[in-house]
Amino acid sequence: MIQTSRKITSDTWIKGTWEEYLELCDTPDLDKAKFYYFSGRMRIEMAPVGLDHSRDHSIVTHAIYLYAGLRKIPLNGSDSCSYRKPGIREAQPDLSFYVGDNAKAISYGTSIVDLNIYPCPDLVIEIAKTSLPDDLGEKRLLYEEFGVKEYWVVNVSTGEIIAFKIDNGGSRRIGESSVLQGLSMKILEEALRRARESTHTEVSMWLMDTFQGS
């Protein structure tokens, strides 16, 4: 239980005003937590510390940068960045990327990204260990409202990547990225599988050979 001016349970959606939500965001004891606000409800997630979560996060991040570099796709990525539509919604995804013409949309010195001023990220990724039902459910609706182009959920337990293309306020499953121009979810899933059995150096070498040969 999180102690503030009201009792808050973490890892679940709770009714609250925007002002109550901002109070939670400024709570010193929650400086490592992740915050979400959507449809008059707020969710606080304590930062994951597990090895499985962190390693899948690392491999997916590396694969995206490697693919973009080899294909010369401009992009900039962030870990747990705050994207805010003041008074309406906020999210802090595990990974987010601005791609192509948007790659340099956010300059250094920006703290919370105000989406009344800046575009939303093109690609958002959640690494799901214990939060899978919410990542596929409520957060998917949240990112649809934000208007990101693609949303991926990495299921740490199975190594599956569940990817969605978002368009006109809705989403549908995809097996290949259009934001990253042809990047296959199957290749990323194979990289995750290999990372469970070998070193990240070996996985990186396999990814490079695979990307260069495709």
Protein backbone atom coordinates (compact mmCIF):
# COMPACT_ATOMS: atom_id res chain seq x y z
CA MET A 1 0.00 0.00 0.00
CA ILE A 2 1.34 3.44 -0.98
CA GLN A 3 0.88 6.08 1.72
CA THR A 4 0.02 9.59 0.50
CA SER A 5 -2.92 11.83 1.41
CA ARG A 6 -4.98 8.80 0.37
CA LYS A 7 -4.18 5.10 0.29
CA ILE A 8 -3.22 3.82 -3.15
CA THR A 9 -2.67 0.21 -4.21
CA SER A 10 0.02 -0.27 -6.83
CA ASP A 11 -0.35 -2.22 -10.09
CA THR A 12 -4.08 -1.61 -10.45
CA TRP A 13 -6.26 1.15 -11.87
CA ILE A 14 -7.84 3.41 -9.26
CA LYS A 15 -10.24 6.31 -9.68
CA GLY A 16 -8.66 9.68 -9.11
CA THR A 17 -8.58 13.27 -10.28
CA TRP A 18 -5.73 14.70 -12.31
CA GLU A 19 -4.70 16.75 -9.26
CA GLU A 20 -4.50 13.59 -7.10
CA TYR A 21 -2.48 11.93 -9.83
CA LEU A 22 0.03 14.80 -9.95
CA GLU A 23 0.38 14.57 -6.16
CA LEU A 24 1.38 10.92 -6.54
CA CYS A 25 3.89 11.77 -9.28
CA ASP A 26 5.60 14.18 -6.87
CA THR A 27 5.78 11.67 -3.98
CA PRO A 28 9.50 11.18 -3.10
CA ASP A 29 9.03 7.52 -2.14
CA LEU A 30 7.74 6.80 -5.65
CA ASP A 31 10.62 8.32 -7.58
CA LYS A 32 11.37 4.96 -9.24
CA ALA A 33 7.74 4.07 -10.00
CA LYS A 34 5.97 4.29 -13.36
CA PHE A 35 2.77 6.30 -13.68
CA TYR A 36 -0.25 6.08 -15.98
CA TYR A 37 -3.44 8.16 -16.12
CA PHE A 38 -6.41 7.36 -18.35
CA SER A 39 -10.16 7.98 -18.30
CA GLY A 40 -10.19 9.43 -14.80
CA ARG A 41 -8.13 6.59 -13.33
CA MET A 42 -4.52 6.24 -12.33
CA ARG A 43 -2.09 3.33 -12.13
CA ILE A 44 1.24 3.21 -10.34
CA GLU A 45 3.70 0.42 -11.11
CA MET A 46 6.78 -0.21 -9.04
CA ALA A 47 9.93 -0.48 -11.14
CA PRO A 48 10.72 -4.08 -12.17
CA VAL A 49 13.98 -5.48 -10.81
CA GLY A 50 13.94 -9.00 -12.25
CA LEU A 51 16.70 -10.35 -14.45
CA ASP A 52 14.30 -11.77 -17.08
CA HIS A 53 12.55 -8.43 -17.57
CA SER A 54 15.80 -6.48 -17.80
CA ARG A 55 17.44 -8.89 -20.25
CA ASP A 56 14.46 -8.96 -22.62
CA HIS A 57 14.39 -5.16 -22.41
CA SER A 58 18.09 -5.08 -23.31
CA ILE A 59 17.84 -7.48 -26.27
CA VAL A 60 14.79 -5.78 -27.82
CA THR A 61 16.42 -2.36 -27.48
CA HIS A 62 19.67 -3.58 -29.03
CA ALA A 63 17.87 -5.32 -31.91
CA ILE A 64 15.94 -2.17 -32.79
CA TYR A 65 19.04 0.04 -32.82
CA LEU A 66 20.99 -2.55 -34.82
CA TYR A 67 18.21 -2.92 -37.39
CA ALA A 68 17.75 0.85 -37.71
CA GLY A 69 21.48 1.37 -38.10
CA LEU A 70 21.87 -1.25 -40.81
CA ARG A 71 18.79 0.01 -42.67
CA LYS A 72 19.69 3.68 -42.10
CA ILE A 73 16.33 4.40 -40.45
CA PRO A 74 16.55 7.62 -38.40
CA LEU A 75 15.30 7.11 -34.85
CA ASN A 76 15.74 8.16 -31.24
CA GLY A 77 14.63 6.01 -28.31
CA SER A 78 13.85 6.51 -24.64
CA ASP A 79 13.48 4.34 -21.54
CA SER A 80 10.50 5.07 -19.26
CA CYS A 81 9.93 8.56 -20.65
CA SER A 82 6.80 10.44 -19.50
CA TYR A 83 4.30 11.42 -22.21
CA ARG A 84 1.56 13.71 -20.97
CA LYS A 85 -1.64 15.17 -22.33
CA PRO A 86 -2.19 17.53 -19.38
CA GLY A 87 -5.41 16.89 -17.50
CA ILE A 88 -6.34 13.94 -19.72
CA ARG A 89 -3.80 11.11 -19.91
CA GLU A 90 -0.21 10.14 -19.26
CA ALA A 91 2.00 7.09 -19.85
CA GLN A 92 5.53 6.00 -19.06
CA PRO A 93 6.22 3.06 -21.40
CA ASP A 94 9.26 0.86 -20.96
CA LEU A 95 10.51 1.83 -24.42
CA SER A 96 9.45 4.47 -26.92
CA PHE A 97 10.85 5.60 -30.26
CA TYR A 98 10.53 8.57 -32.58
CA VAL A 99 11.22 7.32 -36.10
CA GLY A 100 11.87 8.86 -39.53
CA ASP A 101 10.87 12.50 -39.84
CA ASN A 102 10.00 12.53 -36.13
CA ALA A 103 13.41 11.24 -34.99
CA LYS A 104 14.56 14.68 -33.81
CA ALA A 105 11.15 15.96 -32.71
CA ILE A 106 12.13 16.11 -29.02
CA SER A 107 15.27 18.01 -28.09
CA TYR A 108 17.59 17.51 -25.11
CA GLY A 109 16.47 19.46 -22.06
CA THR A 110 12.89 18.29 -22.36
CA SER A 111 11.57 16.69 -19.16
CA ILE A 112 8.00 15.42 -19.38
CA VAL A 113 6.95 15.40 -23.04
CA ASP A 114 3.88 17.60 -23.37
CA LEU A 115 1.81 16.15 -26.21
CA ASN A 116 0.02 19.44 -26.65
CA ILE A 117 3.36 20.71 -27.95
CA TYR A 118 5.18 17.65 -29.34
CA PRO A 119 4.05 14.66 -31.43
CA CYS A 120 3.50 11.33 -29.68
CA PRO A 121 6.14 8.61 -30.23
CA ASP A 122 5.79 6.43 -33.31
CA LEU A 123 6.50 3.16 -31.50
CA VAL A 124 5.78 2.23 -27.87
CA ILE A 125 6.86 -1.04 -26.22
CA GLU A 126 5.92 -2.51 -22.85
CA ILE A 127 8.01 -5.38 -21.43
CA ALA A 128 5.44 -7.50 -19.57
CA LYS A 129 6.41 -9.83 -16.73
CA THR A 130 3.51 -9.43 -14.29
CA SER A 131 1.53 -6.72 -16.12
CA LEU A 132 0.62 -8.66 -19.29
CA PRO A 133 -3.21 -8.52 -18.97
CA ASP A 134 -3.12 -4.77 -18.42
CA ASP A 135 -0.56 -4.17 -21.18
CA LEU A 136 -2.80 -5.99 -23.66
CA GLY A 137 -5.97 -4.39 -22.31
CA GLU A 138 -6.19 -0.96 -20.71
CA LYS A 139 -2.77 0.29 -21.83
CA ARG A 140 -3.53 -0.76 -25.38
CA LEU A 141 -6.62 1.48 -25.25
CA LEU A 142 -4.51 4.25 -23.74
CA TYR A 143 -1.97 4.12 -26.56
CA GLU A 144 -4.79 4.02 -29.11
CA GLU A 145 -6.03 7.29 -27.61
CA PHE A 146 -2.53 8.73 -27.74
CA GLY A 147 -2.35 7.89 -31.42
CA VAL A 148 0.99 6.06 -31.54
CA LYS A 149 1.55 4.23 -34.82
CA GLU A 150 2.62 0.88 -33.33
CA TYR A 151 2.40 -0.75 -29.92
CA TRP A 152 4.34 -3.89 -28.98
CA VAL A 153 4.02 -6.04 -25.86
CA VAL A 154 6.90 -8.39 -25.01
CA ASN A 155 5.68 -11.36 -22.98
CA VAL A 156 8.69 -12.19 -20.81
CA SER A 157 7.24 -15.53 -19.73
CA THR A 158 6.90 -16.92 -23.27
CA GLY A 159 9.23 -14.76 -25.36
CA GLU A 160 6.31 -13.78 -27.60
CA ILE A 161 5.98 -10.29 -29.06
CA ILE A 162 2.39 -9.17 -29.56
CA ALA A 163 2.49 -6.22 -31.94
CA PHE A 164 -0.31 -3.90 -33.00
CA LYS A 165 -0.69 -1.31 -35.72
CA ILE A 166 -2.78 1.62 -34.48
CA ASP A 167 -4.90 3.60 -36.91
CA ASN A 168 -8.09 5.66 -36.64
CA GLY A 169 -8.35 5.07 -32.90
CA GLY A 170 -8.21 1.27 -33.18
CA SER A 171 -5.57 -1.45 -33.42
CA ARG A 172 -4.92 -4.76 -35.17
CA ARG A 173 -2.29 -7.49 -34.81
CA ILE A 174 0.72 -7.40 -37.12
CA GLY A 175 3.64 -9.75 -37.66
CA GLU A 176 5.91 -7.19 -39.27
CA SER A 177 6.59 -3.56 -38.42
CA SER A 178 5.83 -0.76 -40.85
CA VAL A 179 7.32 1.89 -38.57
CA LEU A 180 10.63 0.01 -38.75
CA GLN A 181 10.06 -0.97 -42.38
CA GLY A 182 9.85 -4.75 -42.47
CA LEU A 183 11.26 -5.79 -39.09
CA SER A 184 9.74 -9.21 -38.36
CA MET A 185 8.42 -10.09 -34.91
CA LYS A 186 9.55 -13.68 -35.55
CA ILE A 187 13.16 -12.54 -35.80
CA LEU A 188 12.87 -10.63 -32.53
CA GLU A 189 11.24 -13.63 -30.85
CA GLU A 190 14.07 -15.86 -32.06
CA ALA A 191 16.56 -13.36 -30.62
CA LEU A 192 14.77 -13.55 -27.26
CA ARG A 193 14.84 -17.35 -27.40
CA ARG A 194 18.56 -17.40 -28.18
CA ALA A 195 19.24 -14.92 -25.36
CA ARG A 196 17.90 -17.50 -22.91
CA GLU A 197 20.57 -19.98 -24.02
CA SER A 198 23.60 -17.94 -25.06
CA THR A 199 25.36 -14.63 -24.50
CA HIS A 200 24.11 -11.31 -25.79
CA THR A 201 27.27 -11.08 -27.90
CA GLU A 202 26.27 -14.26 -29.74
CA VAL A 203 22.72 -12.99 -30.15
CA SER A 204 24.03 -9.70 -31.53
CA MET A 205 26.20 -11.54 -34.07
CA TRP A 206 23.20 -13.66 -35.13
CA LEU A 207 21.00 -10.56 -35.47
CA MET A 208 23.57 -8.80 -37.59
CA ASP A 209 23.92 -11.78 -39.95
CA THR A 210 20.13 -12.15 -40.13
CA PHE A 211 19.45 -8.47 -40.79
CA GLN A 212 22.17 -8.22 -43.41
CA GLY A 213 20.89 -11.33 -45.18
CA SER A 214 17.24 -10.29 -45.28
